[in-house]
Amino acid sequence: MTRPICLLGEIILLLSLGASVYSRRGLVARLENAALNKPTLQGPNTHRYLDHFYKSSFAVDGNPSSLFPDCAGVDTADIMWWIVDLTRSRKIHAVRILPRQDSSYSLENFTIDMFDDDPRLTSGFPRNFGQICASQIDKIGPGKWTGLSCTAIMKKRFVRIVKHGNSHMALCEVEILAEELDESTGQAYKIKPKTAATVDAKTYVGQFPTAMYCAVALFDDNEPNGFQFDTETRQCFVFQTSPLRGDAGVESSATYDTYTVL
């Protein structure tokens, strides 16, 4: 059962320890694909054939096809990169990659690294490195899932795959295996007020006595990473925001208290 506690103007949600989650010592944590349908970007140039763009989002659409038109693709360059924003920090154990089925385009010579913040804003991008999860020199595939375990469990929000040039980078599907977010994990999440910028879409959730009740109602939903609560009407609106989509925040309002999940 969820217990909300208000502390110094912040909403902190504490979950009962119904079932434990352990790391690699003994019991195995329950993992889920935290990247599914999350915001993505790639560069420096998205591959294109005629009118078909091999969009970065194709790698997280849940379609396990290794046919190249169904894959994300980046034109050959010295450094090619693909980034997914999990929209909140997650405890990541491993990454699974499905390369294209063409044997002449097997995926090789790449690194998976992770960041707390948008890596494009860090000094030296894209040649810089975050916390390295795994590296792969030899070819993988073609058309076969390959799992790469991180050197340690990493609590990060942004995951990047960096490939060095000799052929274009194609990612047909990428799964980020992270610990589940639900009541049985016993995790705590902090929700802080936030202002500024805009968000394209908000979904009405309902009316609640306080913002805390709104937060509790949304806690089991892994998709949104923030909400707005109107102190006058008691209405709650949920949103998902990501710098990879250009919506770096949410609109401020005289009557809205805005919160984001960290």
C-alpha atoms as a PDB file:
ATOM      1  CA  MET A   1       0.000   0.000   0.000  1.00  0.00           C
ATOM      2  CA  THR A   2       1.319   3.454  -0.891  1.00  0.00           C
ATOM      3  CA  ARG A   3       2.033   5.947   1.909  1.00  0.00           C
ATOM      4  CA  PRO A   4       2.350   9.611   0.855  1.00  0.00           C
ATOM      5  CA  ILE A   5       4.450  11.885   3.073  1.00  0.00           C
ATOM      6  CA  CYS A   6       4.821  15.653   2.618  1.00  0.00           C
ATOM      7  CA  LEU A   7       8.269  16.927   3.563  1.00  0.00           C
ATOM      8  CA  LEU A   8       9.528  20.508   3.184  1.00  0.00           C
ATOM      9  CA  GLY A   9       7.188  21.293   0.323  1.00  0.00           C
ATOM     10  CA  GLU A  10       8.112  18.158  -1.618  1.00  0.00           C
ATOM     11  CA  ILE A  11       5.916  15.134  -2.176  1.00  0.00           C
ATOM     12  CA  ILE A  12       7.661  11.888  -1.383  1.00  0.00           C
ATOM     13  CA  LEU A  13       5.949   8.589  -2.111  1.00  0.00           C
ATOM     14  CA  LEU A  14       7.099   5.636  -0.050  1.00  0.00           C
ATOM     15  CA  LEU A  15       6.046   2.143  -1.028  1.00  0.00           C
ATOM     16  CA  SER A  16       5.586  -0.770   1.292  1.00  0.00           C
ATOM     17  CA  LEU A  17       8.230  -3.469   1.045  1.00  0.00           C
ATOM     18  CA  GLY A  18       5.923  -6.196  -0.182  1.00  0.00           C
ATOM     19  CA  ALA A  19       8.622  -7.947  -2.199  1.00  0.00           C
ATOM     20  CA  SER A  20      12.344  -7.313  -2.279  1.00  0.00           C
ATOM     21  CA  VAL A  21      14.403  -6.562  -5.345  1.00  0.00           C
ATOM     22  CA  TYR A  22      18.041  -7.544  -5.232  1.00  0.00           C
ATOM     23  CA  SER A  23      20.977  -6.932  -7.522  1.00  0.00           C
ATOM     24  CA  ARG A  24      23.282  -9.636  -8.809  1.00  0.00           C
ATOM     25  CA  ARG A  25      23.880 -11.211  -5.443  1.00  0.00           C
ATOM     26  CA  GLY A  26      21.396 -14.040  -5.243  1.00  0.00           C
ATOM     27  CA  LEU A  27      17.857 -13.075  -6.235  1.00  0.00           C
ATOM     28  CA  VAL A  28      17.301 -11.502  -9.631  1.00  0.00           C
ATOM     29  CA  ALA A  29      15.416  -8.224  -9.972  1.00  0.00           C
ATOM     30  CA  ARG A  30      12.258  -8.125 -12.036  1.00  0.00           C
ATOM     31  CA  LEU A  31      13.142  -6.209 -15.184  1.00  0.00           C
ATOM     32  CA  GLU A  32      11.103  -4.460 -17.859  1.00  0.00           C
ATOM     33  CA  ASN A  33      11.867  -2.663 -21.097  1.00  0.00           C
ATOM     34  CA  ALA A  34      12.069   0.966 -19.972  1.00  0.00           C
ATOM     35  CA  ALA A  35      12.748   2.256 -23.510  1.00  0.00           C
ATOM     36  CA  LEU A  36       9.475   1.215 -25.164  1.00  0.00           C
ATOM     37  CA  ASN A  37       7.918   4.209 -26.980  1.00  0.00           C
ATOM     38  CA  LYS A  38      10.168   6.678 -25.168  1.00  0.00           C
ATOM     39  CA  PRO A  39      11.579   9.851 -26.835  1.00  0.00           C
ATOM     40  CA  THR A  40      14.656   9.297 -29.022  1.00  0.00           C
ATOM     41  CA  LEU A  41      17.133  11.198 -31.196  1.00  0.00           C
ATOM     42  CA  GLN A  42      19.994  10.168 -33.456  1.00  0.00           C
ATOM     43  CA  GLY A  43      22.732  11.808 -35.452  1.00  0.00           C
ATOM     44  CA  PRO A  44      24.538  13.369 -37.057  1.00  0.00           C
ATOM     45  CA  ASN A  45      22.244  12.491 -40.014  1.00  0.00           C
ATOM     46  CA  THR A  46      19.239  10.190 -40.173  1.00  0.00           C
ATOM     47  CA  HIS A  47      19.513   7.735 -43.065  1.00  0.00           C
ATOM     48  CA  ARG A  48      17.065   8.269 -45.917  1.00  0.00           C
ATOM     49  CA  TYR A  49      16.108   6.244 -48.975  1.00  0.00           C
ATOM     50  CA  LEU A  50      13.832   8.073 -51.405  1.00  0.00           C
ATOM     51  CA  ASP A  51      10.984   9.361 -49.194  1.00  0.00           C
ATOM     52  CA  HIS A  52      11.595   6.919 -46.338  1.00  0.00           C
ATOM     53  CA  PHE A  53      13.424   8.160 -43.243  1.00  0.00           C
ATOM     54  CA  TYR A  54      14.892   5.573 -40.860  1.00  0.00           C
ATOM     55  CA  LYS A  55      13.700   7.386 -37.752  1.00  0.00           C
ATOM     56  CA  SER A  56      15.285   7.007 -34.318  1.00  0.00           C
ATOM     57  CA  SER A  57      11.887   6.078 -32.865  1.00  0.00           C
ATOM     58  CA  PHE A  58      11.778   2.882 -34.962  1.00  0.00           C
ATOM     59  CA  ALA A  59      14.227   1.345 -32.455  1.00  0.00           C
ATOM     60  CA  VAL A  60      11.746   1.611 -29.569  1.00  0.00           C
ATOM     61  CA  ASP A  61       8.413   0.973 -31.308  1.00  0.00           C
ATOM     62  CA  GLY A  62       8.126  -2.619 -30.070  1.00  0.00           C
ATOM     63  CA  ASN A  63       8.329  -4.086 -33.592  1.00  0.00           C
ATOM     64  CA  PRO A  64      10.971  -6.876 -33.527  1.00  0.00           C
ATOM     65  CA  SER A  65      11.601  -6.794 -37.268  1.00  0.00           C
ATOM     66  CA  SER A  66      15.190  -6.846 -38.518  1.00  0.00           C
ATOM     67  CA  LEU A  67      14.245  -5.652 -42.005  1.00  0.00           C
ATOM     68  CA  PHE A  68      16.094  -2.403 -42.630  1.00  0.00           C
ATOM     69  CA  PRO A  69      12.984  -0.272 -43.404  1.00  0.00           C
ATOM     70  CA  ASP A  70      11.782  -1.058 -39.868  1.00  0.00           C
ATOM     71  CA  CYS A  71      15.055   0.048 -38.249  1.00  0.00           C
ATOM     72  CA  ALA A  72      16.525   3.308 -37.021  1.00  0.00           C
ATOM     73  CA  GLY A  73      19.414   4.314 -39.249  1.00  0.00           C
ATOM     74  CA  VAL A  74      22.254   6.868 -39.186  1.00  0.00           C
ATOM     75  CA  ASP A  75      24.429   7.718 -42.188  1.00  0.00           C
ATOM     76  CA  THR A  76      28.097   6.776 -42.002  1.00  0.00           C
ATOM     77  CA  ALA A  77      30.179   9.312 -40.075  1.00  0.00           C
ATOM     78  CA  ASP A  78      33.212   9.356 -37.805  1.00  0.00           C
ATOM     79  CA  ILE A  79      30.881   9.166 -34.803  1.00  0.00           C
ATOM     80  CA  MET A  80      27.252   8.035 -35.005  1.00  0.00           C
ATOM     81  CA  TRP A  81      24.934   8.199 -32.010  1.00  0.00           C
ATOM     82  CA  TRP A  82      21.430   7.234 -30.873  1.00  0.00           C
ATOM     83  CA  ILE A  83      19.860   8.417 -27.588  1.00  0.00           C
ATOM     84  CA  VAL A  84      16.742   7.416 -25.665  1.00  0.00           C
ATOM     85  CA  ASP A  85      15.268   9.424 -22.794  1.00  0.00           C
ATOM     86  CA  LEU A  86      13.645   7.106 -20.239  1.00  0.00           C
ATOM     87  CA  THR A  87      11.905  10.267 -18.870  1.00  0.00           C
ATOM     88  CA  ARG A  88      13.036   9.450 -15.332  1.00  0.00           C
ATOM     89  CA  SER A  89      16.029   7.802 -13.686  1.00  0.00           C
ATOM     90  CA  ARG A  90      15.839   4.014 -13.814  1.00  0.00           C
ATOM     91  CA  LYS A  91      17.991   1.258 -12.332  1.00  0.00           C
ATOM     92  CA  ILE A  92      19.403  -0.270 -15.505  1.00  0.00           C
ATOM     93  CA  HIS A  93      20.879  -3.772 -15.626  1.00  0.00           C
ATOM     94  CA  ALA A  94      21.386  -4.488 -19.330  1.00  0.00           C
ATOM     95  CA  VAL A  95      20.678  -3.478 -22.918  1.00  0.00           C
ATOM     96  CA  ARG A  96      19.348  -5.726 -25.698  1.00  0.00           C
ATOM     97  CA  ILE A  97      19.919  -4.818 -29.342  1.00  0.00           C
ATOM     98  CA  LEU A  98      18.437  -6.235 -32.540  1.00  0.00           C
ATOM     99  CA  PRO A  99      20.625  -5.360 -35.576  1.00  0.00           C
ATOM    100  CA  ARG A 100      19.473  -5.537 -39.205  1.00  0.00           C
ATOM    101  CA  GLN A 101      19.442  -8.943 -40.862  1.00  0.00           C
ATOM    102  CA  ASP A 102      21.793  -8.054 -43.724  1.00  0.00           C
ATOM    103  CA  SER A 103      25.107  -9.773 -42.968  1.00  0.00           C
ATOM    104  CA  SER A 104      27.085  -7.000 -44.657  1.00  0.00           C
ATOM    105  CA  TYR A 105      25.747  -4.458 -42.142  1.00  0.00           C
ATOM    106  CA  SER A 106      26.349  -6.230 -38.838  1.00  0.00           C
ATOM    107  CA  LEU A 107      26.668  -3.929 -35.852  1.00  0.00           C
ATOM    108  CA  GLU A 108      30.171  -3.575 -34.404  1.00  0.00           C
ATOM    109  CA  ASN A 109      32.582  -1.184 -32.702  1.00  0.00           C
ATOM    110  CA  PHE A 110      30.078   0.579 -30.450  1.00  0.00           C
ATOM    111  CA  THR A 111      29.733   1.714 -26.840  1.00  0.00           C
ATOM    112  CA  ILE A 112      26.668   2.064 -24.624  1.00  0.00           C
ATOM    113  CA  ASP A 113      26.931   4.877 -22.093  1.00  0.00           C
ATOM    114  CA  MET A 114      24.478   6.571 -19.748  1.00  0.00           C
ATOM    115  CA  PHE A 115      23.807  10.039 -18.375  1.00  0.00           C
ATOM    116  CA  ASP A 116      21.738  11.796 -15.724  1.00  0.00           C
ATOM    117  CA  ASP A 117      21.029  14.730 -18.064  1.00  0.00           C
ATOM    118  CA  ASP A 118      20.731  15.304 -21.798  1.00  0.00           C
ATOM    119  CA  PRO A 119      24.176  14.255 -23.125  1.00  0.00           C
ATOM    120  CA  ARG A 120      23.974  16.768 -25.985  1.00  0.00           C
ATOM    121  CA  LEU A 121      24.456  19.529 -23.419  1.00  0.00           C
ATOM    122  CA  THR A 122      27.679  18.077 -22.017  1.00  0.00           C
ATOM    123  CA  SER A 123      31.107  19.342 -23.023  1.00  0.00           C
ATOM    124  CA  GLY A 124      32.663  17.570 -26.000  1.00  0.00           C
ATOM    125  CA  PHE A 125      29.507  15.911 -27.342  1.00  0.00           C
ATOM    126  CA  PRO A 126      29.433  13.533 -29.169  1.00  0.00           C
ATOM    127  CA  ARG A 127      33.036  12.547 -28.466  1.00  0.00           C
ATOM    128  CA  ASN A 128      32.587  12.607 -24.716  1.00  0.00           C
ATOM    129  CA  PHE A 129      31.558   9.562 -22.665  1.00  0.00           C
ATOM    130  CA  GLY A 130      29.121   9.175 -19.824  1.00  0.00           C
ATOM    131  CA  GLN A 131      29.103   6.228 -17.450  1.00  0.00           C
ATOM    132  CA  ILE A 132      29.919   3.264 -19.670  1.00  0.00           C
ATOM    133  CA  CYS A 133      27.542   0.329 -19.471  1.00  0.00           C
ATOM    134  CA  ALA A 134      29.193  -1.898 -22.072  1.00  0.00           C
ATOM    135  CA  SER A 135      31.375  -1.867 -25.189  1.00  0.00           C
ATOM    136  CA  GLN A 136      31.378  -4.177 -28.195  1.00  0.00           C
ATOM    137  CA  ILE A 137      34.187  -4.446 -30.747  1.00  0.00           C
ATOM    138  CA  ASP A 138      33.230  -7.637 -32.601  1.00  0.00           C
ATOM    139  CA  LYS A 139      30.228  -7.928 -34.909  1.00  0.00           C
ATOM    140  CA  ILE A 140      26.828  -8.919 -33.558  1.00  0.00           C
ATOM    141  CA  GLY A 141      23.936 -10.282 -35.542  1.00  0.00           C
ATOM    142  CA  PRO A 142      22.865 -10.299 -38.236  1.00  0.00           C
ATOM    143  CA  GLY A 143      19.207 -10.152 -37.287  1.00  0.00           C
ATOM    144  CA  LYS A 144      19.685 -11.716 -33.858  1.00  0.00           C
ATOM    145  CA  TRP A 145      19.033 -10.240 -30.429  1.00  0.00           C
ATOM    146  CA  THR A 146      22.213  -9.577 -28.443  1.00  0.00           C
ATOM    147  CA  GLY A 147      22.182  -8.808 -24.725  1.00  0.00           C
ATOM    148  CA  LEU A 148      24.905  -6.684 -23.118  1.00  0.00           C
ATOM    149  CA  SER A 149      25.027  -6.531 -19.328  1.00  0.00           C
ATOM    150  CA  CYS A 150      26.215  -3.310 -17.735  1.00  0.00           C
ATOM    151  CA  THR A 151      29.403  -3.463 -15.683  1.00  0.00           C
ATOM    152  CA  ALA A 152      27.240  -2.453 -12.700  1.00  0.00           C
ATOM    153  CA  ILE A 153      23.616  -1.515 -12.092  1.00  0.00           C
ATOM    154  CA  MET A 154      23.331   2.120 -13.154  1.00  0.00           C
ATOM    155  CA  LYS A 155      20.627   4.579 -12.124  1.00  0.00           C
ATOM    156  CA  LYS A 156      20.403   6.889 -15.129  1.00  0.00           C
ATOM    157  CA  ARG A 157      17.819   8.608 -17.335  1.00  0.00           C
ATOM    158  CA  PHE A 158      19.494   8.915 -20.752  1.00  0.00           C
ATOM    159  CA  VAL A 159      21.015   5.960 -22.616  1.00  0.00           C
ATOM    160  CA  ARG A 160      23.222   6.462 -25.662  1.00  0.00           C
ATOM    161  CA  ILE A 161      24.678   4.072 -28.230  1.00  0.00           C
ATOM    162  CA  VAL A 162      27.792   5.438 -29.969  1.00  0.00           C
ATOM    163  CA  LYS A 163      29.304   3.806 -33.058  1.00  0.00           C
ATOM    164  CA  HIS A 164      32.537   4.721 -34.799  1.00  0.00           C
ATOM    165  CA  GLY A 165      32.569   4.933 -38.581  1.00  0.00           C
ATOM    166  CA  ASN A 166      33.149   2.323 -41.274  1.00  0.00           C
ATOM    167  CA  SER A 167      29.489   1.700 -42.085  1.00  0.00           C
ATOM    168  CA  HIS A 168      26.182   3.286 -41.153  1.00  0.00           C
ATOM    169  CA  MET A 169      24.527   2.430 -37.832  1.00  0.00           C
ATOM    170  CA  ALA A 170      21.250   0.491 -37.928  1.00  0.00           C
ATOM    171  CA  LEU A 171      19.276  -0.340 -34.780  1.00  0.00           C
ATOM    172  CA  CYS A 172      16.136  -2.349 -35.482  1.00  0.00           C
ATOM    173  CA  GLU A 173      15.097  -2.521 -31.838  1.00  0.00           C
ATOM    174  CA  VAL A 174      16.683  -1.498 -28.533  1.00  0.00           C
ATOM    175  CA  GLU A 175      15.479  -2.630 -25.122  1.00  0.00           C
ATOM    176  CA  ILE A 176      16.734  -1.059 -21.891  1.00  0.00           C
ATOM    177  CA  LEU A 177      16.239  -3.622 -19.128  1.00  0.00           C
ATOM    178  CA  ALA A 178      15.523  -1.762 -15.896  1.00  0.00           C
ATOM    179  CA  GLU A 179      13.956  -2.666 -12.580  1.00  0.00           C
ATOM    180  CA  GLU A 180      10.175  -2.493 -12.593  1.00  0.00           C
ATOM    181  CA  LEU A 181       8.395   0.527 -11.174  1.00  0.00           C
ATOM    182  CA  ASP A 182       5.566  -0.774  -9.036  1.00  0.00           C
ATOM    183  CA  GLU A 183       4.519  -1.147  -5.423  1.00  0.00           C
ATOM    184  CA  SER A 184       6.403  -4.400  -4.922  1.00  0.00           C
ATOM    185  CA  THR A 185       9.820  -2.838  -5.572  1.00  0.00           C
ATOM    186  CA  GLY A 186       9.836  -0.800  -2.378  1.00  0.00           C
ATOM    187  CA  GLN A 187      11.318   2.198  -4.177  1.00  0.00           C
ATOM    188  CA  ALA A 188      10.741   5.828  -3.206  1.00  0.00           C
ATOM    189  CA  TYR A 189      10.251   8.660  -5.681  1.00  0.00           C
ATOM    190  CA  LYS A 190      10.579  12.359  -5.074  1.00  0.00           C
ATOM    191  CA  ILE A 191       8.319  14.860  -6.813  1.00  0.00           C
ATOM    192  CA  LYS A 192       9.446  18.491  -6.882  1.00  0.00           C
ATOM    193  CA  PRO A 193       7.670  21.633  -8.106  1.00  0.00           C
ATOM    194  CA  LYS A 194       8.856  22.843 -11.504  1.00  0.00           C
ATOM    195  CA  THR A 195       8.074  25.804 -13.750  1.00  0.00           C
ATOM    196  CA  ALA A 196       8.883  27.145 -17.252  1.00  0.00           C
ATOM    197  CA  ALA A 197       8.701  26.069 -20.907  1.00  0.00           C
ATOM    198  CA  THR A 198       5.838  24.232 -22.579  1.00  0.00           C
ATOM    199  CA  VAL A 199       4.517  20.730 -23.116  1.00  0.00           C
ATOM    200  CA  ASP A 200       2.501  19.701 -26.156  1.00  0.00           C
ATOM    201  CA  ALA A 201      -0.035  17.333 -24.635  1.00  0.00           C
ATOM    202  CA  LYS A 202      -1.638  16.889 -21.253  1.00  0.00           C
ATOM    203  CA  THR A 203      -4.179  14.288 -20.181  1.00  0.00           C
ATOM    204  CA  TYR A 204      -6.911  15.029 -17.679  1.00  0.00           C
ATOM    205  CA  VAL A 205      -6.848  12.559 -14.787  1.00  0.00           C
ATOM    206  CA  GLY A 206      -9.575  13.793 -12.444  1.00  0.00           C
ATOM    207  CA  GLN A 207     -10.291  15.926  -9.395  1.00  0.00           C
ATOM    208  CA  PHE A 208      -8.475  15.369  -6.106  1.00  0.00           C
ATOM    209  CA  PRO A 209      -8.459  17.103  -2.701  1.00  0.00           C
ATOM    210  CA  THR A 210      -4.729  17.909  -2.921  1.00  0.00           C
ATOM    211  CA  ALA A 211      -1.750  17.483  -5.250  1.00  0.00           C
ATOM    212  CA  MET A 212      -0.571  14.643  -3.038  1.00  0.00           C
ATOM    213  CA  TYR A 213      -3.657  12.576  -3.877  1.00  0.00           C
ATOM    214  CA  CYS A 214      -3.032  13.227  -7.558  1.00  0.00           C
ATOM    215  CA  ALA A 215       0.569  12.012  -7.205  1.00  0.00           C
ATOM    216  CA  VAL A 216      -0.546   8.822  -5.472  1.00  0.00           C
ATOM    217  CA  ALA A 217      -3.117   8.121  -8.196  1.00  0.00           C
ATOM    218  CA  LEU A 218      -0.431   8.401 -10.881  1.00  0.00           C
ATOM    219  CA  PHE A 219       2.282   6.468  -9.129  1.00  0.00           C
ATOM    220  CA  ASP A 220       1.745   3.114 -10.844  1.00  0.00           C
ATOM    221  CA  ASP A 221       1.795   4.670 -14.326  1.00  0.00           C
ATOM    222  CA  ASN A 222       5.282   4.400 -15.835  1.00  0.00           C
ATOM    223  CA  GLU A 223       4.627   6.676 -18.804  1.00  0.00           C
ATOM    224  CA  PRO A 224       4.128  10.229 -17.429  1.00  0.00           C
ATOM    225  CA  ASN A 225       6.955  11.957 -15.607  1.00  0.00           C
ATOM    226  CA  GLY A 226       5.040  14.921 -14.298  1.00  0.00           C
ATOM    227  CA  PHE A 227       1.659  16.442 -13.547  1.00  0.00           C
ATOM    228  CA  GLN A 228      -0.085  19.764 -12.989  1.00  0.00           C
ATOM    229  CA  PHE A 229      -2.561  20.374 -10.187  1.00  0.00           C
ATOM    230  CA  ASP A 230      -4.948  23.330 -10.311  1.00  0.00           C
ATOM    231  CA  THR A 231      -5.358  24.601  -6.758  1.00  0.00           C
ATOM    232  CA  GLU A 232      -8.660  26.314  -7.604  1.00  0.00           C
ATOM    233  CA  THR A 233     -10.511  23.620  -9.557  1.00  0.00           C
ATOM    234  CA  ARG A 234      -8.645  20.660  -7.952  1.00  0.00           C
ATOM    235  CA  GLN A 235      -8.068  19.251 -11.419  1.00  0.00           C
ATOM    236  CA  CYS A 236      -5.063  17.048 -12.180  1.00  0.00           C
ATOM    237  CA  PHE A 237      -3.385  16.803 -15.608  1.00  0.00           C
ATOM    238  CA  VAL A 238      -0.587  14.362 -16.383  1.00  0.00           C
ATOM    239  CA  PHE A 239       2.165  14.908 -18.969  1.00  0.00           C
ATOM    240  CA  GLN A 240       5.389  13.451 -20.298  1.00  0.00           C
ATOM    241  CA  THR A 241       8.191  15.850 -21.103  1.00  0.00           C
ATOM    242  CA  SER A 242      11.611  15.281 -22.663  1.00  0.00           C
ATOM    243  CA  PRO A 243      14.348  17.536 -24.055  1.00  0.00           C
ATOM    244  CA  LEU A 244      14.661  15.083 -26.956  1.00  0.00           C
ATOM    245  CA  ARG A 245      11.207  16.166 -28.120  1.00  0.00           C
ATOM    246  CA  GLY A 246      11.860  19.852 -27.543  1.00  0.00           C
ATOM    247  CA  ASP A 247       9.381  20.112 -24.665  1.00  0.00           C
ATOM    248  CA  ALA A 248      11.844  20.693 -21.864  1.00  0.00           C
ATOM    249  CA  GLY A 249       9.319  21.672 -19.230  1.00  0.00           C
ATOM    250  CA  VAL A 250       5.697  22.552 -18.637  1.00  0.00           C
ATOM    251  CA  GLU A 251       3.756  25.784 -18.851  1.00  0.00           C
ATOM    252  CA  SER A 252       3.561  27.913 -15.726  1.00  0.00           C
ATOM    253  CA  SER A 253       0.230  29.234 -14.476  1.00  0.00           C
ATOM    254  CA  ALA A 254      -1.018  31.354 -11.614  1.00  0.00           C
ATOM    255  CA  THR A 255      -3.265  28.588 -10.331  1.00  0.00           C
ATOM    256  CA  TYR A 256      -1.295  25.508 -11.322  1.00  0.00           C
ATOM    257  CA  ASP A 257       1.264  23.786  -9.129  1.00  0.00           C
ATOM    258  CA  THR A 258       3.543  21.774 -11.394  1.00  0.00           C
ATOM    259  CA  TYR A 259       5.534  18.692 -10.407  1.00  0.00           C
ATOM    260  CA  THR A 260       8.043  16.438 -12.086  1.00  0.00           C
ATOM    261  CA  VAL A 261       9.201  12.976 -11.090  1.00  0.00           C
ATOM    262  CA  LEU A 262      12.931  12.572 -10.478  1.00  0.00           C
END
